[in-house]
Amino acid sequence: MAHALFSIHRMAKSKLTIILFFFVLFVLSGFSLPSEGDKIVKSIYIDTTNLYRRVALPDKAFDAEKIKTVDKYFIARSVRGQFNGVVLFAQDDKIFMKAYGYSNFRSKEKLTVSSRFQLASISKTITSTAVLMLAREGKIDLKAPVSKYLDGFARPGVTVEMLLTHTSGLPDYTRFTAAAWGSTDPMGNEDMLAIMIKKKPAAVFSPGRQYQYCNTNFALLASIVEHVTGDGFAPWVRKNIFEPVGMKHTFFCTEEQFHTSEQMTTGYTSRRAPYSLNFLDGVLGDKGVYSTVQDMLCFDLALRNGFLLPPEWQQKAYTNYTDQAHPYGYGWRLYEYQGHEIVYHNGWWHGYRGRFLRVPKENMTIVILENQARNSFSVPTLMNISQKLFDEKEADTTIVESGEEDMEGQ
């Protein structure tokens, strides 16, 4: 009995020794109760500006018969060689996504809803969002001359706002840089700007006089973002837009993910000849983003819920600053169709075609991404297709293709 008690006592003493040992070790490691003077030194600051800003994606299906109507339409176009891509239609908590055709015609690898496509000029919606986020923070003045942010840009009449609205009168860099660059290596934004400053290509018209779509505008906007943030355009957008809103499969063609990402697509001509990258692909802001239909829905939802820009700043983006023939906001095309107020952008580059169409007031989103250079869909046609899904009272199963496709968007 005494031996048992001694054993218990020895075990308790041993445990106490272990506890004391770890307590002394903890104290020696630098722990101390915070004094009044220590509170500032030892406080931890958590930057909440880039916490994840996401909402649940739609997860319910539309009516089965309505899906059948839309699916039949895209299957027919795909079989006829008139469509090769992925579609997404979403409203409120309902969604329809499907892939049609091939990501690679030679290997016969099929597209999936997770296939990555070059967004081409749809990238401009991301660039404009980045600029407006910084403008809201007071880091960019939309009314200021571009020369305030870009050294050597000797065109004092051109403002940041004119870049956003394609009213700058600047020539398109895709047409004046080839001879000056003289290489197949990628040309970056700084290179493009240097050529522009050195060669001084003639303006198309005086600043602010009219609208003319021009890729130079958004390439310069990307350079302005770099100037005011001190960061590269791609990493800044990744940190402040892609990652916070959950665009996990979205990246720039200049980033490592372009070479390592799965489910990549190839862009093709109408005759199925593959495109290759060229020296222009190093310039960002006007193009260069690869994404998926679902990631673009994440971007739409982040805007719709005010995670990136509050409503008053989005209203500025969706206001027409040009003319009635080419209504254009800050990086968004504007269209009214049978009472629906639509903001959208199209894209066209290296065989890729795309449509990113939103009706914010009705929680409606349409994303069409293609990897073959064929005629795509007009806004009226896409709205007609969407009505077959969204309108519960719609009984007519005939999809009418109407309106002309907007060909701007290189």
Protein backbone atom coordinates (compact mmCIF):
# COMPACT_ATOMS: atom_id res chain seq x y z
CA MET A 1 0.00 0.00 0.00
CA ALA A 2 2.81 2.38 0.95
CA HIS A 3 4.64 1.42 -2.23
CA ALA A 4 1.54 2.26 -4.31
CA LEU A 5 1.12 5.63 -2.59
CA PHE A 6 4.79 6.36 -3.16
CA SER A 7 4.38 5.55 -6.87
CA ILE A 8 1.38 7.86 -7.14
CA HIS A 9 3.24 10.61 -5.32
CA ARG A 10 6.26 10.16 -7.61
CA MET A 11 4.08 10.32 -10.74
CA ALA A 12 2.34 13.49 -9.55
CA LYS A 13 5.69 15.06 -8.74
CA SER A 14 6.99 14.10 -12.16
CA LYS A 15 4.00 15.70 -13.88
CA LEU A 16 4.43 18.84 -11.81
CA THR A 17 8.08 18.98 -12.82
CA ILE A 18 7.16 18.71 -16.49
CA ILE A 19 4.56 21.46 -16.18
CA LEU A 20 7.03 23.72 -14.38
CA PHE A 21 9.66 23.02 -17.05
CA PHE A 22 7.38 24.09 -19.90
CA PHE A 23 6.18 27.12 -17.95
CA VAL A 24 9.77 28.32 -17.41
CA LEU A 25 10.55 27.66 -21.08
CA PHE A 26 7.49 29.69 -22.11
CA VAL A 27 8.52 32.62 -19.90
CA LEU A 28 12.12 32.55 -21.14
CA SER A 29 10.87 32.58 -24.74
CA GLY A 30 9.81 36.17 -24.25
CA PHE A 31 6.24 35.95 -23.00
CA SER A 32 5.19 38.59 -20.51
CA LEU A 33 1.91 40.09 -19.52
CA PRO A 34 1.47 43.27 -21.52
CA SER A 35 2.21 46.42 -19.60
CA GLU A 36 0.67 49.71 -20.68
CA GLY A 37 3.78 50.50 -22.72
CA ASP A 38 3.88 47.07 -24.35
CA LYS A 39 0.37 47.22 -25.81
CA ILE A 40 1.35 49.26 -28.86
CA VAL A 41 4.55 47.30 -29.47
CA LYS A 42 2.89 43.91 -29.29
CA SER A 43 -0.42 44.75 -31.00
CA ILE A 44 -1.12 42.93 -34.28
CA TYR A 45 -2.52 44.86 -37.22
CA ILE A 46 -4.73 42.89 -39.59
CA ASP A 47 -5.31 44.47 -42.98
CA THR A 48 -8.97 43.80 -43.78
CA THR A 49 -9.02 45.59 -47.11
CA ASN A 50 -8.45 42.42 -49.10
CA LEU A 51 -10.35 39.83 -47.11
CA TYR A 52 -12.24 37.47 -49.38
CA ARG A 53 -15.31 39.14 -50.81
CA ARG A 54 -17.47 36.41 -52.25
CA VAL A 55 -21.05 35.26 -52.41
CA ALA A 56 -22.43 31.82 -53.11
CA LEU A 57 -22.71 31.02 -56.79
CA PRO A 58 -26.10 30.02 -58.21
CA ASP A 59 -26.71 26.30 -57.76
CA LYS A 60 -30.24 25.65 -58.98
CA ALA A 61 -31.27 24.58 -62.47
CA PHE A 62 -33.72 26.25 -64.80
CA ASP A 63 -36.80 24.38 -65.97
CA ALA A 64 -35.75 21.19 -67.79
CA GLU A 65 -37.81 21.93 -70.90
CA LYS A 66 -36.36 25.43 -71.15
CA ILE A 67 -32.84 24.04 -70.82
CA LYS A 68 -33.62 21.57 -73.60
CA THR A 69 -34.60 24.43 -75.94
CA VAL A 70 -31.38 26.37 -75.35
CA ASP A 71 -29.18 23.29 -75.37
CA LYS A 72 -30.66 22.15 -78.68
CA TYR A 73 -29.87 25.54 -80.21
CA PHE A 74 -26.18 25.46 -79.22
CA ILE A 75 -25.80 21.80 -80.20
CA ALA A 76 -27.15 22.60 -83.68
CA ARG A 77 -24.73 25.51 -84.10
CA SER A 78 -21.85 23.37 -82.88
CA VAL A 79 -22.66 20.52 -85.26
CA ARG A 80 -22.79 22.98 -88.17
CA GLY A 81 -19.35 24.30 -87.19
CA GLN A 82 -20.80 27.68 -86.20
CA PHE A 83 -19.99 27.53 -82.51
CA ASN A 84 -17.14 26.13 -80.44
CA GLY A 85 -17.13 27.31 -76.86
CA VAL A 86 -18.68 27.42 -73.39
CA VAL A 87 -21.88 29.21 -72.35
CA LEU A 88 -23.19 30.41 -69.00
CA PHE A 89 -26.62 31.89 -68.29
CA ALA A 90 -27.44 32.86 -64.71
CA GLN A 91 -30.16 34.75 -62.90
CA ASP A 92 -30.64 34.93 -59.14
CA ASP A 93 -30.04 31.39 -57.82
CA LYS A 94 -30.37 29.58 -61.17
CA ILE A 95 -27.64 28.74 -63.64
CA PHE A 96 -27.06 26.91 -66.91
CA MET A 97 -23.51 26.09 -68.03
CA LYS A 98 -22.34 23.81 -70.80
CA ALA A 99 -19.37 23.27 -73.12
CA TYR A 100 -19.68 22.55 -76.84
CA GLY A 101 -16.79 21.45 -79.04
CA TYR A 102 -13.04 21.17 -78.60
CA SER A 103 -10.31 22.96 -76.69
CA ASN A 104 -7.82 21.47 -79.16
CA PHE A 105 -9.02 20.41 -82.59
CA ARG A 106 -5.90 18.38 -83.36
CA SER A 107 -5.89 16.27 -80.21
CA LYS A 108 -9.70 16.24 -80.06
CA GLU A 109 -9.57 17.29 -76.41
CA LYS A 110 -13.04 18.48 -75.53
CA LEU A 111 -13.97 21.72 -73.85
CA THR A 112 -15.34 21.70 -70.31
CA VAL A 113 -17.06 24.40 -68.27
CA SER A 114 -13.67 24.90 -66.56
CA SER A 115 -11.72 25.52 -69.78
CA ARG A 116 -9.55 28.66 -69.77
CA PHE A 117 -10.08 31.19 -72.58
CA GLN A 118 -8.33 34.41 -73.57
CA LEU A 119 -10.82 37.14 -72.67
CA ALA A 120 -9.34 39.55 -75.23
CA SER A 121 -11.05 42.94 -74.81
CA ILE A 122 -13.36 41.69 -72.09
CA SER A 123 -10.18 42.27 -70.06
CA LYS A 124 -10.97 46.00 -70.34
CA THR A 125 -13.79 45.59 -67.81
CA ILE A 126 -11.23 44.36 -65.29
CA THR A 127 -8.82 47.19 -66.11
CA SER A 128 -11.50 49.84 -65.72
CA THR A 129 -12.55 48.32 -62.39
CA ALA A 130 -8.95 48.53 -61.16
CA VAL A 131 -8.71 52.19 -62.21
CA LEU A 132 -12.01 53.11 -60.54
CA MET A 133 -11.01 51.31 -57.33
CA LEU A 134 -7.89 53.48 -57.19
CA ALA A 135 -9.84 56.59 -58.16
CA ARG A 136 -12.22 55.96 -55.28
CA GLU A 137 -9.21 55.82 -52.97
CA GLY A 138 -8.05 59.17 -54.29
CA LYS A 139 -4.96 57.73 -55.98
CA ILE A 140 -6.12 58.48 -59.53
CA ASP A 141 -7.87 61.65 -60.67
CA LEU A 142 -10.03 60.79 -63.67
CA LYS A 143 -10.04 64.41 -64.84
CA ALA A 144 -6.25 64.73 -64.62
CA PRO A 145 -4.02 64.64 -67.71
CA VAL A 146 -2.33 61.31 -68.37
CA SER A 147 1.00 63.16 -68.24
CA LYS A 148 0.50 63.54 -64.48
CA TYR A 149 1.10 59.81 -64.11
CA LEU A 150 3.26 58.87 -67.10
CA ASP A 151 6.54 60.73 -67.53
CA GLY A 152 7.27 61.80 -71.08
CA PHE A 153 3.67 61.49 -72.27
CA ALA A 154 3.58 64.85 -74.05
CA ARG A 155 -0.13 65.01 -74.92
CA PRO A 156 -1.49 67.37 -72.24
CA GLY A 157 -5.03 67.40 -73.61
CA VAL A 158 -5.55 63.66 -73.00
CA THR A 159 -7.09 62.85 -69.62
CA VAL A 160 -7.52 59.56 -67.76
CA GLU A 161 -11.26 59.76 -68.36
CA MET A 162 -10.69 59.99 -72.11
CA LEU A 163 -8.74 56.74 -71.96
CA LEU A 164 -11.60 55.04 -70.14
CA THR A 165 -14.16 56.24 -72.70
CA HIS A 166 -12.13 55.86 -75.93
CA THR A 167 -12.32 59.58 -76.66
CA SER A 168 -8.57 60.30 -76.46
CA GLY A 169 -7.93 60.39 -80.21
CA LEU A 170 -4.77 58.33 -79.74
CA PRO A 171 -3.62 55.93 -82.50
CA ASP A 172 -3.80 52.21 -81.84
CA TYR A 173 -0.47 50.74 -80.69
CA THR A 174 -1.18 47.49 -82.54
CA ARG A 175 -0.64 49.44 -85.77
CA PHE A 176 2.39 51.65 -85.06
CA THR A 177 4.72 49.53 -82.89
CA ALA A 178 5.72 46.62 -85.15
CA ALA A 179 8.47 48.38 -87.13
CA ALA A 180 9.87 50.15 -84.09
CA TRP A 181 9.90 47.00 -81.96
CA GLY A 182 11.44 44.80 -84.65
CA SER A 183 11.40 41.60 -82.60
CA THR A 184 9.26 38.55 -81.93
CA ASP A 185 9.94 38.87 -78.20
CA PRO A 186 7.03 40.12 -76.11
CA MET A 187 6.70 43.89 -75.92
CA GLY A 188 5.61 45.16 -72.51
CA ASN A 189 3.61 48.24 -71.54
CA GLU A 190 6.74 50.25 -70.79
CA ASP A 191 8.14 49.32 -74.20
CA MET A 192 4.96 50.40 -75.93
CA LEU A 193 4.96 53.72 -74.06
CA ALA A 194 8.64 54.31 -74.91
CA ILE A 195 7.93 53.76 -78.61
CA MET A 196 4.96 56.10 -78.44
CA ILE A 197 7.01 58.83 -76.77
CA LYS A 198 9.89 58.44 -79.22
CA LYS A 199 7.95 58.04 -82.48
CA LYS A 200 5.15 60.50 -81.62
CA PRO A 201 2.53 58.90 -83.91
CA ALA A 202 -0.09 61.37 -85.11
CA ALA A 203 -3.36 61.66 -83.25
CA VAL A 204 -6.49 60.46 -85.02
CA PHE A 205 -8.48 63.47 -83.77
CA SER A 206 -8.20 66.12 -81.06
CA PRO A 207 -8.73 64.84 -77.50
CA GLY A 208 -12.35 64.55 -76.41
CA ARG A 209 -13.85 65.39 -79.80
CA GLN A 210 -15.40 62.00 -80.54
CA TYR A 211 -15.40 58.28 -79.82
CA GLN A 212 -13.07 55.80 -81.49
CA TYR A 213 -12.27 52.42 -80.00
CA CYS A 214 -8.53 52.17 -79.32
CA ASN A 215 -6.47 49.56 -77.47
CA THR A 216 -3.77 52.09 -76.60
CA ASN A 217 -6.17 53.70 -74.11
CA PHE A 218 -6.40 50.67 -71.86
CA ALA A 219 -2.75 49.73 -72.19
CA LEU A 220 -1.95 53.20 -70.83
CA LEU A 221 -4.48 52.73 -68.02
CA ALA A 222 -2.60 49.60 -66.94
CA SER A 223 0.60 51.65 -66.89
CA ILE A 224 -1.10 54.28 -64.71
CA VAL A 225 -2.14 51.56 -62.24
CA GLU A 226 1.49 50.46 -62.07
CA HIS A 227 2.65 54.05 -61.50
CA VAL A 228 0.30 54.86 -58.61
CA THR A 229 0.59 51.48 -56.86
CA GLY A 230 4.30 50.82 -57.38
CA ASP A 231 3.35 47.27 -58.32
CA GLY A 232 3.10 45.39 -61.60
CA PHE A 233 -0.33 45.54 -63.18
CA ALA A 234 -0.85 41.75 -63.18
CA PRO A 235 0.15 41.17 -59.51
CA TRP A 236 -1.90 44.17 -58.34
CA VAL A 237 -5.02 42.95 -60.11
CA ARG A 238 -4.45 39.44 -58.80
CA LYS A 239 -4.11 40.65 -55.21
CA ASN A 240 -6.98 43.13 -55.27
CA ILE A 241 -9.50 41.56 -57.66
CA PHE A 242 -8.88 37.95 -58.68
CA GLU A 243 -7.99 36.47 -55.29
CA PRO A 244 -10.48 38.36 -53.08
CA VAL A 245 -13.51 37.54 -55.25
CA GLY A 246 -12.60 33.91 -55.87
CA MET A 247 -11.43 33.99 -59.49
CA LYS A 248 -9.19 30.96 -58.89
CA HIS A 249 -8.67 30.06 -62.53
CA THR A 250 -8.00 33.56 -63.89
CA PHE A 251 -4.56 34.89 -64.80
CA PHE A 252 -2.64 37.01 -67.30
CA CYS A 253 -0.81 35.50 -70.26
CA THR A 254 2.42 36.97 -68.85
CA GLU A 255 2.12 34.98 -65.59
CA GLU A 256 3.42 31.51 -64.79
CA GLN A 257 -0.12 30.09 -64.69
CA PHE A 258 -0.33 30.57 -68.44
CA HIS A 259 2.26 27.81 -68.85
CA THR A 260 1.17 25.55 -65.96
CA SER A 261 -2.62 25.84 -65.80
CA GLU A 262 -4.73 22.83 -66.69
CA GLN A 263 -7.60 22.89 -69.18
CA MET A 264 -6.02 25.55 -71.38
CA THR A 265 -7.50 26.18 -74.80
CA THR A 266 -5.99 27.05 -78.16
CA GLY A 267 -7.36 29.85 -80.33
CA TYR A 268 -8.15 28.94 -83.94
CA THR A 269 -8.96 30.61 -87.22
CA SER A 270 -12.26 29.87 -88.90
CA ARG A 271 -10.41 27.11 -90.82
CA ARG A 272 -9.12 25.59 -87.58
CA ALA A 273 -5.53 26.75 -87.97
CA PRO A 274 -4.05 27.46 -84.50
CA TYR A 275 -2.92 30.92 -83.51
CA SER A 276 0.37 31.56 -81.72
CA LEU A 277 1.34 34.34 -79.35
CA ASN A 278 3.16 37.30 -80.89
CA PHE A 279 5.05 40.36 -79.62
CA LEU A 280 1.81 42.24 -78.88
CA ASP A 281 0.76 39.74 -76.21
CA GLY A 282 3.14 41.26 -73.67
CA VAL A 283 1.03 44.41 -73.45
CA LEU A 284 -1.70 44.23 -70.80
CA GLY A 285 -4.75 46.27 -69.88
CA ASP A 286 -6.49 46.02 -73.22
CA LYS A 287 -6.38 42.20 -73.31
CA GLY A 288 -4.27 39.38 -71.90
CA VAL A 289 -6.53 37.86 -69.22
CA TYR A 290 -7.39 34.15 -69.35
CA SER A 291 -10.44 33.00 -67.43
CA THR A 292 -13.43 30.67 -67.24
CA VAL A 293 -17.16 31.34 -67.52
CA GLN A 294 -17.63 30.61 -63.82
CA ASP A 295 -14.82 32.96 -62.75
CA MET A 296 -16.43 35.72 -64.80
CA LEU A 297 -19.65 35.08 -62.90
CA CYS A 298 -17.64 35.54 -59.68
CA PHE A 299 -16.46 38.90 -61.03
CA ASP A 300 -20.03 39.87 -61.92
CA LEU A 301 -21.33 38.93 -58.47
CA ALA A 302 -18.53 40.84 -56.75
CA LEU A 303 -19.50 43.96 -58.70
CA ARG A 304 -23.21 43.40 -58.20
CA ASN A 305 -22.79 43.10 -54.44
CA GLY A 306 -20.54 46.13 -54.13
CA PHE A 307 -17.46 44.19 -53.04
CA LEU A 308 -15.17 45.97 -55.51
CA LEU A 309 -16.99 49.24 -56.15
CA PRO A 310 -19.94 50.82 -54.32
CA PRO A 311 -23.15 51.51 -56.31
CA GLU A 312 -22.36 55.18 -56.96
CA TRP A 313 -19.03 54.31 -58.58
CA GLN A 314 -20.60 51.56 -60.64
CA GLN A 315 -23.21 54.05 -61.82
CA LYS A 316 -20.37 56.23 -63.10
CA ALA A 317 -18.99 53.23 -64.97
CA TYR A 318 -22.38 52.51 -66.59
CA THR A 319 -23.03 56.10 -67.74
CA ASN A 320 -22.70 56.98 -71.43
CA TYR A 321 -19.85 59.45 -72.08
CA THR A 322 -19.76 59.18 -75.87
CA ASP A 323 -22.68 59.30 -78.32
CA GLN A 324 -25.86 57.39 -79.07
CA ALA A 325 -24.24 55.45 -81.91
CA HIS A 326 -21.47 54.07 -79.67
CA PRO A 327 -22.69 54.30 -76.07
CA TYR A 328 -19.68 53.59 -73.86
CA GLY A 329 -19.08 54.14 -70.15
CA TYR A 330 -15.89 53.56 -68.19
CA GLY A 331 -14.77 50.31 -69.80
CA TRP A 332 -18.33 49.07 -70.47
CA ARG A 333 -20.52 49.11 -73.56
CA LEU A 334 -24.12 50.10 -72.94
CA TYR A 335 -27.24 48.72 -74.61
CA GLU A 336 -30.96 48.93 -74.01
CA TYR A 337 -33.05 46.04 -75.24
CA GLN A 338 -36.83 45.94 -74.72
CA GLY A 339 -36.52 47.80 -71.42
CA HIS A 340 -33.49 45.84 -70.19
CA GLU A 341 -30.50 48.05 -69.27
CA ILE A 342 -27.46 46.06 -70.36
CA VAL A 343 -23.77 46.62 -69.67
CA TYR A 344 -21.39 44.38 -71.57
CA HIS A 345 -18.15 43.94 -73.43
CA ASN A 346 -17.01 41.70 -76.22
CA GLY A 347 -13.58 40.36 -77.03
CA TRP A 348 -11.73 39.24 -80.14
CA TRP A 349 -8.07 38.20 -80.25
CA HIS A 350 -6.02 35.34 -81.74
CA GLY A 351 -9.07 33.24 -82.58
CA TYR A 352 -10.82 33.87 -79.28
CA ARG A 353 -14.26 35.45 -79.25
CA GLY A 354 -16.21 36.37 -76.15
CA ARG A 355 -19.31 38.07 -74.75
CA PHE A 356 -19.67 39.21 -71.14
CA LEU A 357 -23.19 40.57 -70.80
CA ARG A 358 -24.79 41.78 -67.57
CA VAL A 359 -28.15 43.19 -66.57
CA PRO A 360 -27.33 44.33 -63.01
CA LYS A 361 -30.83 45.48 -62.08
CA GLU A 362 -32.22 42.04 -62.92
CA ASN A 363 -29.36 39.89 -61.52
CA MET A 364 -28.82 38.53 -65.01
CA THR A 365 -25.48 37.35 -66.40
CA ILE A 366 -24.49 35.84 -69.74
CA VAL A 367 -20.95 34.68 -70.54
CA ILE A 368 -20.02 33.21 -73.92
CA LEU A 369 -16.38 32.22 -74.49
CA GLU A 370 -15.23 30.77 -77.82
CA ASN A 371 -11.87 29.66 -79.21
CA GLN A 372 -12.58 29.78 -82.92
CA ALA A 373 -12.77 32.96 -84.99
CA ARG A 374 -16.29 32.84 -86.35
CA ASN A 375 -19.19 35.24 -86.22
CA SER A 376 -20.49 35.34 -82.68
CA PHE A 377 -23.77 36.46 -81.13
CA SER A 378 -25.36 39.88 -81.16
CA VAL A 379 -26.78 41.33 -77.96
CA PRO A 380 -30.41 40.93 -79.17
CA THR A 381 -29.77 37.27 -80.00
CA LEU A 382 -28.30 36.57 -76.57
CA MET A 383 -31.22 38.32 -74.89
CA ASN A 384 -33.64 36.28 -76.98
CA ILE A 385 -31.88 33.08 -75.89
CA SER A 386 -31.91 34.17 -72.26
CA GLN A 387 -35.65 34.82 -72.33
CA LYS A 388 -36.22 31.16 -73.14
CA LEU A 389 -34.55 30.36 -69.80
CA PHE A 390 -35.38 33.30 -67.56
CA ASP A 391 -38.99 34.07 -68.50
CA GLU A 392 -41.27 31.53 -66.85
CA LYS A 393 -44.19 32.66 -69.01
CA GLU A 394 -42.24 32.27 -72.27
CA ALA A 395 -43.83 29.42 -74.23
CA ASP A 396 -42.28 30.03 -77.65
CA THR A 397 -39.27 27.74 -78.16
CA THR A 398 -38.06 29.50 -81.32
CA ILE A 399 -34.76 31.32 -80.87
CA VAL A 400 -34.54 34.33 -83.15
CA GLU A 401 -31.12 35.55 -84.26
CA SER A 402 -31.36 39.28 -84.81
CA GLY A 403 -29.23 42.41 -84.76
CA GLU A 404 -25.70 42.87 -85.99
CA GLU A 405 -22.70 41.62 -84.08
CA ASP A 406 -20.50 44.37 -82.69
CA MET A 407 -17.16 43.74 -84.35
CA GLU A 408 -15.15 46.11 -82.17
CA GLY A 409 -13.15 44.42 -79.48
CA GLN A 410 -9.69 43.44 -80.66
